[in-house]
C-alpha cells in the first residue's frame, strides 16, 4: 500500500512538473480552442442574420392575367407601351374573310390580353422578362365548314425595364386576342431586383375562347 502511494505521489509530481514546463503551451492551446469556438459561432450568427436580412429584402412579384378592352387602355397603371397591335394580324385577316358579317361591328379589334403585376416584396424590381407562347385553335366546326387552319403556335418575348417599387402595380396589355377562336397562353420568365438578385416566374397557363367564333 505504501509503495502504491509512493508511485502515485511520484506520478503527481511528474504531472505537476510537466504542467509547469508546458504552462504557456497549455494556455495557448486553450486560448486557440476558445477562439475557434468563438469564430465558429460568430460566423454562424452572421449567416443567420444575413439569411434573415435577405428574406426581409426579398422581392416578391404577383402575376395575374385578364382581358381588357380599348376603353381601359387609358386607365391608371395601364401601360400600353408594350402592346403589339400587329401580333396575330394573319388570324384577323383569316377571320374577317371567314366571317364577313362580324367585321363591321369591330369584333376583331379592341380586345387585349393583359398581364397584371404587383410588387408585394420589400425590394424594388428593375427588370422583368417574359417568354410567351400562344397556341391558337379553331373549333372542329370551323375547320370543317370554313376550311381554316386547325392550330398554330406563336411566340413572343417581353422585356420590362421600369422600376417597380414596393406596393406598385402595373397592367401590361400584350396583344389583341379578338380574332383568336380558342387560345392557350403559356407564360414563363424571370425578374431581377435592384440588388441583382434573380427570381424565376412560375409558369402561367391560361386557356380562353371567343364564343362568337365557334
N, C-alpha and C. Protein backbone atom coordinates (compact mmCIF):
# COMPACT_ATOMS: atom_id res chain seq x y z
N UNK A 1 0.83 -1.20 0.00
CA UNK A 1 0.00 0.00 0.00
C UNK A 1 0.86 1.25 0.00
N UNK A 2 1.89 1.24 0.85
CA UNK A 2 2.82 2.37 0.92
C UNK A 2 3.52 2.57 -0.42
N UNK A 3 3.85 1.44 -1.07
CA UNK A 3 4.51 1.51 -2.38
C UNK A 3 3.60 2.16 -3.41
N UNK A 4 2.32 1.82 -3.38
CA UNK A 4 1.36 2.37 -4.34
C UNK A 4 1.22 3.87 -4.13
N UNK A 5 1.16 4.30 -2.86
CA UNK A 5 1.04 5.72 -2.57
C UNK A 5 2.26 6.48 -3.06
N UNK A 6 3.41 5.84 -2.89
CA UNK A 6 4.66 6.47 -3.35
C UNK A 6 4.65 6.66 -4.86
N UNK A 7 4.19 5.64 -5.59
CA UNK A 7 4.13 5.72 -7.06
C UNK A 7 3.19 6.83 -7.50
N UNK A 8 2.02 6.90 -6.82
CA UNK A 8 1.03 7.93 -7.16
C UNK A 8 1.60 9.32 -6.92
N UNK A 9 2.34 9.47 -5.77
CA UNK A 9 2.94 10.77 -5.47
C UNK A 9 3.96 11.16 -6.53
N UNK A 10 4.74 10.19 -6.96
CA UNK A 10 5.75 10.48 -7.98
C UNK A 10 5.11 10.88 -9.31
N UNK A 11 4.02 10.14 -9.65
CA UNK A 11 3.32 10.47 -10.90
C UNK A 11 2.72 11.87 -10.83
N UNK A 12 2.16 12.21 -9.65
CA UNK A 12 1.57 13.54 -9.48
C UNK A 12 2.63 14.61 -9.63
N UNK A 13 3.80 14.34 -9.02
CA UNK A 13 4.91 15.30 -9.13
C UNK A 13 5.33 15.46 -10.58
N UNK A 14 5.32 14.31 -11.33
CA UNK A 14 5.69 14.37 -12.74
C UNK A 14 4.71 15.20 -13.55
N UNK A 15 3.43 15.03 -13.27
CA UNK A 15 2.40 15.79 -13.99
C UNK A 15 2.53 17.28 -13.69
N UNK A 16 2.76 17.58 -12.39
CA UNK A 16 2.92 18.99 -12.00
C UNK A 16 4.13 19.60 -12.69
N UNK A 17 5.25 18.83 -12.69
CA UNK A 17 6.45 19.33 -13.37
C UNK A 17 6.18 19.57 -14.85
N UNK A 18 5.46 18.59 -15.47
CA UNK A 18 5.17 18.74 -16.93
C UNK A 18 4.31 19.97 -17.19
N UNK A 19 3.33 20.15 -16.31
CA UNK A 19 2.45 21.32 -16.47
C UNK A 19 3.23 22.61 -16.28
N UNK A 20 4.16 22.59 -15.33
CA UNK A 20 4.96 23.79 -15.09
C UNK A 20 5.80 24.14 -16.31
N UNK A 21 6.39 23.10 -16.89
CA UNK A 21 7.25 23.32 -18.06
C UNK A 21 6.44 23.78 -19.27
N UNK A 22 5.25 23.19 -19.43
CA UNK A 22 4.44 23.45 -20.63
C UNK A 22 3.27 24.40 -20.38
N UNK A 23 3.38 25.20 -19.30
CA UNK A 23 2.27 26.07 -18.92
C UNK A 23 1.82 26.98 -20.06
N UNK A 24 2.75 27.65 -20.71
CA UNK A 24 2.40 28.60 -21.77
C UNK A 24 1.78 27.89 -22.97
N UNK A 25 2.31 26.69 -23.27
CA UNK A 25 1.72 25.93 -24.38
C UNK A 25 0.28 25.53 -24.08
N UNK A 26 0.02 25.17 -22.84
CA UNK A 26 -1.34 24.78 -22.44
C UNK A 26 -2.28 25.98 -22.58
N UNK A 27 -1.83 27.13 -22.05
CA UNK A 27 -2.65 28.34 -22.11
C UNK A 27 -2.92 28.73 -23.57
N UNK A 28 -1.88 28.63 -24.40
CA UNK A 28 -2.03 28.98 -25.82
C UNK A 28 -3.03 28.06 -26.51
N UNK A 29 -2.93 26.76 -26.19
CA UNK A 29 -3.85 25.78 -26.80
C UNK A 29 -5.29 26.05 -26.38
N UNK A 30 -5.49 26.30 -25.09
CA UNK A 30 -6.85 26.58 -24.59
C UNK A 30 -7.40 27.85 -25.24
N UNK A 31 -6.55 28.87 -25.35
CA UNK A 31 -6.98 30.13 -25.97
C UNK A 31 -7.36 29.92 -27.44
N UNK A 32 -6.58 29.07 -28.13
CA UNK A 32 -6.87 28.79 -29.54
C UNK A 32 -8.20 28.07 -29.69
N UNK A 33 -8.46 27.13 -28.78
CA UNK A 33 -9.73 26.39 -28.82
C UNK A 33 -10.91 27.33 -28.58
N UNK A 34 -10.76 28.19 -27.55
CA UNK A 34 -11.83 29.16 -27.24
C UNK A 34 -12.06 30.11 -28.41
N UNK A 35 -10.95 30.55 -29.01
CA UNK A 35 -11.05 31.47 -30.15
C UNK A 35 -11.73 30.80 -31.34
N UNK A 36 -11.40 29.52 -31.58
CA UNK A 36 -12.02 28.78 -32.69
C UNK A 36 -13.52 28.64 -32.48
N UNK A 37 -13.90 28.34 -31.22
CA UNK A 37 -15.33 28.23 -30.89
C UNK A 37 -16.03 29.57 -31.11
N UNK A 38 -15.37 30.65 -30.67
CA UNK A 38 -15.94 32.00 -30.83
C UNK A 38 -16.13 32.35 -32.31
N UNK A 39 -15.11 32.05 -33.12
CA UNK A 39 -15.19 32.34 -34.55
C UNK A 39 -16.30 31.53 -35.21
N UNK A 40 -16.40 30.26 -34.83
CA UNK A 40 -17.44 29.39 -35.40
C UNK A 40 -18.83 29.95 -35.13
N UNK A 41 -19.09 30.31 -33.88
CA UNK A 41 -20.42 30.82 -33.54
C UNK A 41 -20.66 32.22 -34.09
N UNK A 42 -19.60 33.00 -34.23
CA UNK A 42 -19.74 34.33 -34.84
C UNK A 42 -20.16 34.20 -36.30
N UNK A 43 -19.49 33.30 -37.03
CA UNK A 43 -19.83 33.07 -38.44
C UNK A 43 -21.25 32.53 -38.57
N UNK A 44 -21.59 31.59 -37.69
CA UNK A 44 -22.94 31.01 -37.72
C UNK A 44 -23.99 32.08 -37.47
N UNK A 45 -23.74 32.94 -36.47
CA UNK A 45 -24.68 34.02 -36.16
C UNK A 45 -24.79 35.00 -37.31
N UNK A 46 -23.65 35.34 -37.92
CA UNK A 46 -23.64 36.27 -39.04
C UNK A 46 -24.45 35.71 -40.21
N UNK A 47 -24.29 34.42 -40.47
CA UNK A 47 -25.03 33.79 -41.57
C UNK A 47 -26.54 33.82 -41.30
N UNK A 48 -26.92 33.59 -40.06
CA UNK A 48 -28.34 33.63 -39.70
C UNK A 48 -28.90 35.04 -39.87
N UNK A 49 -28.12 36.04 -39.43
CA UNK A 49 -28.55 37.43 -39.59
C UNK A 49 -28.68 37.79 -41.06
N UNK A 50 -27.69 37.36 -41.85
CA UNK A 50 -27.72 37.64 -43.28
C UNK A 50 -28.91 36.95 -43.95
N UNK A 51 -29.18 35.71 -43.52
CA UNK A 51 -30.31 34.97 -44.07
C UNK A 51 -31.62 35.70 -43.78
N UNK A 52 -31.77 36.16 -42.54
CA UNK A 52 -32.98 36.89 -42.17
C UNK A 52 -33.09 38.21 -42.92
N UNK A 53 -31.95 38.88 -43.10
CA UNK A 53 -31.94 40.14 -43.84
C UNK A 53 -32.34 39.92 -45.30
N UNK A 54 -31.79 38.87 -45.90
CA UNK A 54 -32.12 38.55 -47.29
C UNK A 54 -33.61 38.25 -47.44
N UNK A 55 -34.17 37.54 -46.45
CA UNK A 55 -35.60 37.23 -46.51
C UNK A 55 -36.43 38.49 -46.40
N UNK A 56 -35.98 39.42 -45.55
CA UNK A 56 -36.71 40.67 -45.38
C UNK A 56 -36.62 41.56 -46.62
N UNK A 57 -35.50 41.48 -47.33
CA UNK A 57 -35.29 42.32 -48.51
C UNK A 57 -35.72 41.65 -49.81
N UNK A 58 -36.20 40.44 -49.72
CA UNK A 58 -36.54 39.68 -50.92
C UNK A 58 -37.68 40.34 -51.69
N UNK A 59 -37.52 40.38 -53.01
CA UNK A 59 -38.58 40.89 -53.87
C UNK A 59 -39.61 39.79 -54.09
N UNK A 60 -40.86 40.20 -54.23
CA UNK A 60 -41.91 39.21 -54.49
C UNK A 60 -42.95 39.83 -55.41
N UNK A 61 -43.00 39.37 -56.64
CA UNK A 61 -43.99 39.86 -57.60
C UNK A 61 -45.14 38.87 -57.72
N UNK A 62 -46.33 39.43 -57.81
CA UNK A 62 -47.53 38.63 -58.05
C UNK A 62 -47.99 38.89 -59.48
N UNK A 63 -48.36 37.81 -60.18
CA UNK A 63 -48.78 37.93 -61.58
C UNK A 63 -50.20 37.43 -61.76
N UNK A 64 -50.95 38.16 -62.58
CA UNK A 64 -52.31 37.75 -62.91
C UNK A 64 -52.57 38.12 -64.36
N UNK A 65 -53.57 37.52 -64.96
CA UNK A 65 -53.90 37.84 -66.36
C UNK A 65 -55.38 38.20 -66.44
N UNK A 66 -55.69 39.02 -67.42
CA UNK A 66 -57.08 39.42 -67.64
C UNK A 66 -57.25 39.91 -69.08
N UNK A 67 -58.49 40.11 -69.46
CA UNK A 67 -58.81 40.64 -70.79
C UNK A 67 -59.34 42.05 -70.61
N UNK A 68 -58.80 43.00 -71.37
CA UNK A 68 -59.29 44.37 -71.30
C UNK A 68 -59.68 44.86 -72.69
N UNK A 69 -60.45 45.93 -72.72
CA UNK A 69 -60.92 46.50 -73.98
C UNK A 69 -60.31 47.88 -74.20
N UNK A 70 -60.55 48.43 -75.39
CA UNK A 70 -59.96 49.71 -75.78
C UNK A 70 -60.14 50.79 -74.71
N UNK A 71 -61.34 50.88 -74.17
CA UNK A 71 -61.64 51.93 -73.22
C UNK A 71 -60.84 51.86 -71.94
N UNK A 72 -60.24 50.71 -71.66
CA UNK A 72 -59.47 50.53 -70.43
C UNK A 72 -57.99 50.85 -70.61
N UNK A 73 -57.57 51.11 -71.83
CA UNK A 73 -56.14 51.37 -72.08
C UNK A 73 -55.66 52.67 -71.46
N UNK A 74 -56.59 53.58 -71.16
CA UNK A 74 -56.21 54.87 -70.59
C UNK A 74 -56.35 54.90 -69.07
N UNK A 75 -56.68 53.78 -68.47
CA UNK A 75 -56.83 53.73 -67.02
C UNK A 75 -55.47 53.87 -66.33
N UNK A 76 -55.47 54.38 -65.08
CA UNK A 76 -54.20 54.45 -64.32
C UNK A 76 -53.57 53.07 -64.18
N UNK A 77 -52.26 53.03 -64.19
CA UNK A 77 -51.47 51.79 -64.04
C UNK A 77 -51.52 50.87 -65.26
N UNK A 78 -52.23 51.29 -66.32
CA UNK A 78 -52.22 50.50 -67.57
C UNK A 78 -51.17 51.11 -68.49
N UNK A 79 -50.16 50.33 -68.82
CA UNK A 79 -49.08 50.80 -69.69
C UNK A 79 -49.17 50.08 -71.02
N UNK A 80 -49.57 50.81 -72.05
CA UNK A 80 -49.75 50.19 -73.37
C UNK A 80 -48.52 50.31 -74.25
N UNK A 81 -47.38 50.71 -73.67
CA UNK A 81 -46.15 50.85 -74.45
C UNK A 81 -45.66 49.51 -75.00
N UNK A 82 -46.07 48.42 -74.38
CA UNK A 82 -45.59 47.09 -74.78
C UNK A 82 -46.63 46.33 -75.61
N UNK A 83 -47.71 47.01 -75.97
CA UNK A 83 -48.79 46.37 -76.73
C UNK A 83 -48.40 46.22 -78.20
N UNK A 84 -48.42 44.99 -78.69
CA UNK A 84 -48.10 44.69 -80.09
C UNK A 84 -49.42 44.57 -80.86
N UNK A 85 -49.78 45.65 -81.55
CA UNK A 85 -51.05 45.67 -82.28
C UNK A 85 -51.04 44.73 -83.48
N UNK A 86 -49.86 44.44 -84.01
CA UNK A 86 -49.78 43.63 -85.23
C UNK A 86 -49.74 42.13 -84.94
N UNK A 87 -49.55 41.75 -83.68
CA UNK A 87 -49.46 40.34 -83.33
C UNK A 87 -50.78 39.64 -83.66
N UNK A 88 -50.71 38.61 -84.49
CA UNK A 88 -51.91 37.86 -84.85
C UNK A 88 -52.73 38.48 -85.96
N UNK A 89 -52.14 39.42 -86.72
CA UNK A 89 -52.87 40.04 -87.83
C UNK A 89 -53.30 39.02 -88.88
N UNK A 90 -52.49 37.97 -89.05
CA UNK A 90 -52.84 36.95 -90.04
C UNK A 90 -54.14 36.23 -89.66
N UNK A 91 -54.33 36.02 -88.37
CA UNK A 91 -55.58 35.40 -87.92
C UNK A 91 -56.75 36.37 -88.06
N UNK A 92 -56.49 37.62 -87.85
CA UNK A 92 -57.54 38.63 -88.02
C UNK A 92 -58.04 38.64 -89.46
N UNK A 93 -57.11 38.64 -90.41
CA UNK A 93 -57.48 38.63 -91.83
C UNK A 93 -58.24 37.36 -92.16
N UNK A 94 -57.78 36.24 -91.64
CA UNK A 94 -58.44 34.96 -91.89
C UNK A 94 -59.87 34.96 -91.34
N UNK A 95 -60.06 35.48 -90.14
CA UNK A 95 -61.39 35.52 -89.53
C UNK A 95 -62.32 36.49 -90.26
N UNK A 96 -61.77 37.62 -90.71
CA UNK A 96 -62.59 38.58 -91.45
C UNK A 96 -63.08 37.98 -92.76
N UNK A 97 -62.24 37.17 -93.38
CA UNK A 97 -62.63 36.51 -94.63
C UNK A 97 -63.68 35.43 -94.37
N UNK A 98 -63.48 34.67 -93.29
CA UNK A 98 -64.40 33.58 -92.97
C UNK A 98 -65.71 34.06 -92.38
N UNK A 99 -65.67 35.19 -91.67
CA UNK A 99 -66.87 35.72 -91.01
C UNK A 99 -67.06 37.20 -91.36
N UNK A 100 -67.36 37.50 -92.61
CA UNK A 100 -67.52 38.90 -93.02
C UNK A 100 -68.61 39.62 -92.24
N UNK A 101 -69.60 38.90 -91.79
CA UNK A 101 -70.71 39.51 -91.05
C UNK A 101 -70.27 40.04 -89.68
N UNK A 102 -69.10 39.59 -89.20
CA UNK A 102 -68.62 40.03 -87.89
C UNK A 102 -67.62 41.18 -87.99
N UNK A 103 -67.23 41.54 -89.20
CA UNK A 103 -66.20 42.57 -89.38
C UNK A 103 -66.72 43.96 -89.05
N UNK A 104 -67.94 44.26 -89.50
CA UNK A 104 -68.48 45.61 -89.31
C UNK A 104 -68.62 46.01 -87.85
N UNK A 105 -69.11 45.13 -86.98
CA UNK A 105 -69.22 45.52 -85.56
C UNK A 105 -67.87 45.68 -84.86
N UNK A 106 -66.78 45.40 -85.56
CA UNK A 106 -65.45 45.54 -84.97
C UNK A 106 -65.11 44.47 -83.97
N UNK A 107 -65.63 43.29 -84.16
CA UNK A 107 -65.39 42.20 -83.21
C UNK A 107 -63.97 41.64 -83.29
N UNK A 108 -63.21 42.02 -84.31
CA UNK A 108 -61.85 41.51 -84.44
C UNK A 108 -60.81 42.52 -83.96
N UNK A 109 -61.26 43.54 -83.28
CA UNK A 109 -60.35 44.58 -82.76
C UNK A 109 -60.75 44.96 -81.33
N UNK A 110 -59.81 45.59 -80.66
CA UNK A 110 -60.13 46.24 -79.39
C UNK A 110 -60.26 45.37 -78.17
N UNK A 111 -59.78 44.14 -78.22
CA UNK A 111 -59.79 43.26 -77.05
C UNK A 111 -58.36 42.73 -76.86
N UNK A 112 -57.81 42.91 -75.66
CA UNK A 112 -56.39 42.65 -75.47
C UNK A 112 -56.12 41.72 -74.28
N UNK A 113 -55.10 40.90 -74.47
CA UNK A 113 -54.63 40.04 -73.38
C UNK A 113 -53.68 40.87 -72.52
N UNK A 114 -53.88 40.84 -71.21
CA UNK A 114 -53.16 41.74 -70.32
C UNK A 114 -52.53 40.97 -69.15
N UNK A 115 -51.30 41.32 -68.82
CA UNK A 115 -50.62 40.75 -67.65
C UNK A 115 -50.56 41.82 -66.56
N UNK A 116 -51.08 41.49 -65.39
CA UNK A 116 -51.05 42.42 -64.25
C UNK A 116 -49.95 41.99 -63.28
N UNK A 117 -49.18 42.97 -62.81
CA UNK A 117 -48.04 42.70 -61.93
C UNK A 117 -48.13 43.58 -60.70
N UNK A 118 -47.86 43.01 -59.53
CA UNK A 118 -47.82 43.78 -58.29
C UNK A 118 -46.61 43.36 -57.48
N UNK A 119 -45.94 44.34 -56.88
CA UNK A 119 -44.75 44.07 -56.07
C UNK A 119 -45.15 44.05 -54.59
N UNK A 120 -45.18 42.86 -54.00
CA UNK A 120 -45.52 42.70 -52.58
C UNK A 120 -44.27 42.49 -51.73
N UNK A 121 -43.10 42.57 -52.35
CA UNK A 121 -41.86 42.38 -51.61
C UNK A 121 -41.35 43.68 -51.02
N UNK A 122 -40.13 43.65 -50.47
CA UNK A 122 -39.55 44.82 -49.82
C UNK A 122 -38.42 45.45 -50.63
N UNK A 123 -38.22 44.96 -51.85
CA UNK A 123 -37.14 45.46 -52.69
C UNK A 123 -37.67 45.86 -54.05
N UNK A 124 -37.11 46.92 -54.60
CA UNK A 124 -37.51 47.37 -55.93
C UNK A 124 -37.06 46.37 -56.99
N UNK A 125 -37.89 46.19 -57.99
CA UNK A 125 -37.57 45.32 -59.12
C UNK A 125 -37.23 46.20 -60.31
N UNK A 126 -36.11 45.89 -60.98
CA UNK A 126 -35.67 46.76 -62.07
C UNK A 126 -35.88 46.17 -63.45
N UNK A 127 -36.15 44.87 -63.53
CA UNK A 127 -36.33 44.26 -64.86
C UNK A 127 -37.19 43.01 -64.76
N UNK A 128 -38.10 42.88 -65.73
CA UNK A 128 -38.96 41.70 -65.83
C UNK A 128 -38.92 41.21 -67.27
N UNK A 129 -38.69 39.92 -67.46
CA UNK A 129 -38.66 39.33 -68.80
C UNK A 129 -39.71 38.22 -68.89
N UNK A 130 -40.48 38.26 -69.97
CA UNK A 130 -41.49 37.23 -70.21
C UNK A 130 -41.18 36.48 -71.51
N UNK A 131 -41.34 35.17 -71.47
CA UNK A 131 -41.36 34.35 -72.69
C UNK A 131 -42.79 33.84 -72.83
N UNK A 132 -43.42 34.23 -73.92
CA UNK A 132 -44.85 33.94 -74.09
C UNK A 132 -45.08 33.10 -75.34
N UNK A 133 -45.79 32.02 -75.16
CA UNK A 133 -46.24 31.20 -76.30
C UNK A 133 -47.76 31.17 -76.27
N UNK A 134 -48.36 31.37 -77.44
CA UNK A 134 -49.81 31.29 -77.53
C UNK A 134 -50.19 30.27 -78.60
N UNK A 135 -50.98 29.32 -78.21
CA UNK A 135 -51.46 28.27 -79.12
C UNK A 135 -52.89 28.64 -79.53
N UNK A 136 -53.07 28.92 -80.80
CA UNK A 136 -54.36 29.37 -81.32
C UNK A 136 -55.03 28.22 -82.06
N UNK A 137 -56.29 28.00 -81.77
CA UNK A 137 -57.01 26.89 -82.39
C UNK A 137 -58.36 27.35 -82.95
N UNK A 138 -58.77 26.71 -84.01
CA UNK A 138 -60.14 26.84 -84.49
C UNK A 138 -60.95 25.65 -83.97
N UNK A 139 -62.21 25.87 -83.75
CA UNK A 139 -63.06 24.75 -83.34
C UNK A 139 -63.18 23.76 -84.48
N UNK A 140 -63.50 22.54 -84.14
CA UNK A 140 -63.67 21.49 -85.16
C UNK A 140 -64.72 21.89 -86.18
N UNK A 141 -65.75 22.56 -85.72
CA UNK A 141 -66.83 23.01 -86.61
C UNK A 141 -66.32 24.00 -87.64
N UNK A 142 -65.51 24.98 -87.20
CA UNK A 142 -64.96 25.98 -88.12
C UNK A 142 -64.01 25.34 -89.12
N UNK A 143 -63.18 24.43 -88.64
CA UNK A 143 -62.21 23.76 -89.52
C UNK A 143 -62.94 23.02 -90.63
N UNK A 144 -64.01 22.33 -90.28
CA UNK A 144 -64.74 21.53 -91.27
C UNK A 144 -65.55 22.40 -92.23
N UNK A 145 -66.21 23.42 -91.71
CA UNK A 145 -67.10 24.23 -92.55
C UNK A 145 -66.34 25.32 -93.31
N UNK A 146 -65.45 26.03 -92.62
CA UNK A 146 -64.75 27.16 -93.22
C UNK A 146 -63.40 26.78 -93.83
N UNK A 147 -62.97 25.55 -93.60
CA UNK A 147 -61.69 25.06 -94.14
C UNK A 147 -60.51 25.92 -93.66
N UNK A 148 -60.50 26.22 -92.40
CA UNK A 148 -59.44 27.05 -91.84
C UNK A 148 -58.39 26.20 -91.11
N UNK A 149 -57.26 26.83 -90.80
CA UNK A 149 -56.18 26.15 -90.08
C UNK A 149 -56.68 25.65 -88.72
N UNK A 150 -56.32 24.43 -88.40
CA UNK A 150 -56.79 23.85 -87.13
C UNK A 150 -56.07 24.45 -85.93
N UNK A 151 -54.76 24.63 -86.03
CA UNK A 151 -53.98 25.09 -84.88
C UNK A 151 -52.69 25.76 -85.34
N UNK A 152 -52.26 26.75 -84.58
CA UNK A 152 -50.98 27.42 -84.85
C UNK A 152 -50.39 27.90 -83.53
N UNK A 153 -49.07 27.85 -83.45
CA UNK A 153 -48.37 28.33 -82.26
C UNK A 153 -47.55 29.57 -82.60
N UNK A 154 -47.67 30.60 -81.77
CA UNK A 154 -46.90 31.83 -81.95
C UNK A 154 -46.13 32.11 -80.66
N UNK A 155 -44.96 32.73 -80.81
CA UNK A 155 -44.14 33.06 -79.64
C UNK A 155 -43.73 34.53 -79.68
N UNK A 156 -43.59 35.10 -78.51
CA UNK A 156 -43.12 36.47 -78.41
C UNK A 156 -42.40 36.64 -77.06
N UNK A 157 -41.58 37.65 -76.96
CA UNK A 157 -40.88 37.96 -75.71
C UNK A 157 -41.20 39.39 -75.29
N UNK A 158 -41.08 39.62 -74.02
CA UNK A 158 -41.40 40.94 -73.47
C UNK A 158 -40.36 41.27 -72.41
N UNK A 159 -39.77 42.46 -72.49
CA UNK A 159 -38.77 42.87 -71.50
C UNK A 159 -39.17 44.22 -70.91
N UNK A 160 -39.44 44.23 -69.62
CA UNK A 160 -39.86 45.43 -68.92
C UNK A 160 -38.68 45.96 -68.12
N UNK A 161 -38.30 47.21 -68.36
CA UNK A 161 -37.12 47.77 -67.69
C UNK A 161 -37.48 48.93 -66.76
N UNK A 162 -38.73 49.03 -66.39
CA UNK A 162 -39.16 50.08 -65.47
C UNK A 162 -38.97 49.62 -64.02
N UNK A 163 -38.71 50.58 -63.13
CA UNK A 163 -38.57 50.26 -61.71
C UNK A 163 -39.96 50.04 -61.11
N UNK A 164 -40.12 48.90 -60.46
CA UNK A 164 -41.37 48.58 -59.79
C UNK A 164 -41.09 48.54 -58.29
N UNK A 165 -41.55 49.58 -57.59
CA UNK A 165 -41.26 49.71 -56.16
C UNK A 165 -42.23 48.90 -55.30
N UNK A 166 -41.90 48.79 -54.04
CA UNK A 166 -42.76 48.08 -53.10
C UNK A 166 -44.16 48.69 -53.12
N UNK A 167 -45.16 47.84 -53.31
CA UNK A 167 -46.54 48.32 -53.34
C UNK A 167 -47.03 48.77 -54.70
N UNK A 168 -46.11 48.89 -55.67
CA UNK A 168 -46.51 49.31 -57.02
C UNK A 168 -47.21 48.17 -57.75
N UNK A 169 -48.07 48.56 -58.68
CA UNK A 169 -48.72 47.58 -59.56
C UNK A 169 -48.84 48.17 -60.95
N UNK A 170 -48.88 47.30 -61.94
CA UNK A 170 -48.95 47.74 -63.33
C UNK A 170 -49.67 46.67 -64.15
N UNK A 171 -50.42 47.12 -65.15
CA UNK A 171 -51.08 46.21 -66.08
C UNK A 171 -50.52 46.43 -67.47
N UNK A 172 -50.13 45.34 -68.13
CA UNK A 172 -49.48 45.42 -69.43
C UNK A 172 -50.30 44.71 -70.49
N UNK A 173 -51.04 45.44 -71.32
CA UNK A 173 -51.66 44.81 -72.49
C UNK A 173 -50.56 44.31 -73.42
N UNK A 174 -50.67 43.07 -73.87
CA UNK A 174 -49.59 42.46 -74.65
C UNK A 174 -49.93 42.35 -76.13
N UNK A 175 -51.10 41.81 -76.44
CA UNK A 175 -51.52 41.66 -77.84
C UNK A 175 -53.04 41.51 -77.91
N UNK A 176 -53.57 41.71 -79.11
CA UNK A 176 -55.01 41.55 -79.33
C UNK A 176 -55.35 40.06 -79.43
N UNK A 177 -56.45 39.67 -78.82
CA UNK A 177 -56.91 38.28 -78.90
C UNK A 177 -58.30 38.20 -79.53
N UNK A 178 -58.77 39.32 -80.09
CA UNK A 178 -60.14 39.38 -80.60
C UNK A 178 -60.40 38.41 -81.75
N UNK A 179 -59.35 38.07 -82.50
CA UNK A 179 -59.53 37.20 -83.67
C UNK A 179 -59.10 35.76 -83.41
N UNK A 180 -58.87 35.42 -82.14
CA UNK A 180 -58.46 34.06 -81.80
C UNK A 180 -59.66 33.27 -81.28
N UNK A 181 -60.13 32.26 -82.02
CA UNK A 181 -61.30 31.49 -81.59
C UNK A 181 -61.09 30.80 -80.24
N UNK A 182 -60.03 30.00 -80.16
CA UNK A 182 -59.66 29.32 -78.91
C UNK A 182 -58.15 29.51 -78.74
N UNK A 183 -57.70 29.89 -77.57
CA UNK A 183 -56.27 30.13 -77.41
C UNK A 183 -55.81 29.76 -76.00
N UNK A 184 -54.59 29.25 -75.96
CA UNK A 184 -53.94 28.91 -74.70
C UNK A 184 -52.64 29.70 -74.61
N UNK A 185 -52.50 30.47 -73.54
CA UNK A 185 -51.31 31.30 -73.35
C UNK A 185 -50.41 30.65 -72.29
N UNK A 186 -49.14 30.45 -72.65
CA UNK A 186 -48.14 29.88 -71.73
C UNK A 186 -47.10 30.95 -71.44
N UNK A 187 -46.95 31.31 -70.18
CA UNK A 187 -46.04 32.39 -69.80
C UNK A 187 -45.01 31.88 -68.80
N UNK A 188 -43.74 32.11 -69.11
CA UNK A 188 -42.65 31.88 -68.16
C UNK A 188 -41.77 33.13 -68.17
N UNK A 189 -40.77 33.16 -67.33
CA UNK A 189 -39.89 34.32 -67.33
C UNK A 189 -39.12 34.46 -66.04
N UNK A 190 -38.58 35.64 -65.82
CA UNK A 190 -37.81 35.92 -64.62
C UNK A 190 -37.81 37.42 -64.36
N UNK A 191 -37.44 37.80 -63.15
CA UNK A 191 -37.30 39.22 -62.84
C UNK A 191 -36.10 39.43 -61.93
N UNK A 192 -35.57 40.65 -61.95
CA UNK A 192 -34.34 40.98 -61.23
C UNK A 192 -34.58 42.20 -60.36
N UNK A 193 -34.16 42.11 -59.08
CA UNK A 193 -34.32 43.27 -58.21
C UNK A 193 -33.09 44.18 -58.29
N UNK A 194 -33.12 45.29 -57.56
CA UNK A 194 -32.04 46.28 -57.65
C UNK A 194 -30.74 45.77 -57.02
N UNK A 195 -30.79 44.64 -56.31
CA UNK A 195 -29.56 44.02 -55.77
C UNK A 195 -28.99 42.99 -56.73
N UNK A 196 -29.60 42.92 -57.93
CA UNK A 196 -29.23 41.95 -58.97
C UNK A 196 -29.56 40.51 -58.57
N UNK A 197 -30.46 40.34 -57.62
CA UNK A 197 -30.97 39.02 -57.27
C UNK A 197 -32.03 38.63 -58.30
N UNK A 198 -31.91 37.43 -58.85
CA UNK A 198 -32.80 36.99 -59.93
C UNK A 198 -33.82 35.97 -59.40
N UNK A 199 -35.04 36.09 -59.90
CA UNK A 199 -36.13 35.21 -59.47
C UNK A 199 -36.83 34.63 -60.71
N UNK A 200 -37.21 33.37 -60.64
CA UNK A 200 -37.98 32.76 -61.72
C UNK A 200 -39.47 33.00 -61.53
N UNK A 201 -40.16 33.15 -62.64
CA UNK A 201 -41.61 33.32 -62.61
C UNK A 201 -42.25 31.94 -62.80
N UNK A 202 -43.11 31.58 -61.87
CA UNK A 202 -43.81 30.30 -62.00
C UNK A 202 -44.66 30.31 -63.27
N UNK A 203 -44.67 29.18 -63.97
CA UNK A 203 -45.37 29.10 -65.25
C UNK A 203 -46.86 29.43 -65.09
N UNK A 204 -47.35 30.22 -66.04
CA UNK A 204 -48.77 30.58 -66.09
C UNK A 204 -49.37 29.93 -67.33
N UNK A 205 -50.44 29.18 -67.16
CA UNK A 205 -51.14 28.55 -68.28
C UNK A 205 -52.58 29.05 -68.26
N UNK A 206 -52.99 29.66 -69.34
CA UNK A 206 -54.28 30.34 -69.38
C UNK A 206 -55.01 29.99 -70.68
N UNK A 207 -56.15 29.32 -70.57
CA UNK A 207 -56.90 28.94 -71.76
C UNK A 207 -58.23 29.67 -71.80
N UNK A 208 -58.53 30.28 -72.97
CA UNK A 208 -59.76 31.04 -73.14
C UNK A 208 -60.30 30.82 -74.55
N UNK A 209 -61.53 31.33 -74.79
CA UNK A 209 -62.11 31.25 -76.13
C UNK A 209 -63.05 32.42 -76.37
N UNK A 210 -63.21 32.75 -77.65
CA UNK A 210 -64.18 33.76 -78.07
C UNK A 210 -65.42 33.02 -78.56
N UNK A 211 -66.51 33.16 -77.83
CA UNK A 211 -67.69 32.33 -78.11
C UNK A 211 -68.33 32.63 -79.47
N UNK A 212 -68.13 33.85 -79.98
CA UNK A 212 -68.76 34.19 -81.27
C UNK A 212 -67.99 33.62 -82.46
N UNK A 213 -66.85 32.97 -82.20
CA UNK A 213 -66.06 32.38 -83.29
C UNK A 213 -66.07 30.86 -83.22
N UNK A 214 -67.08 30.27 -82.64
CA UNK A 214 -67.15 28.81 -82.52
C UNK A 214 -68.03 28.21 -83.62
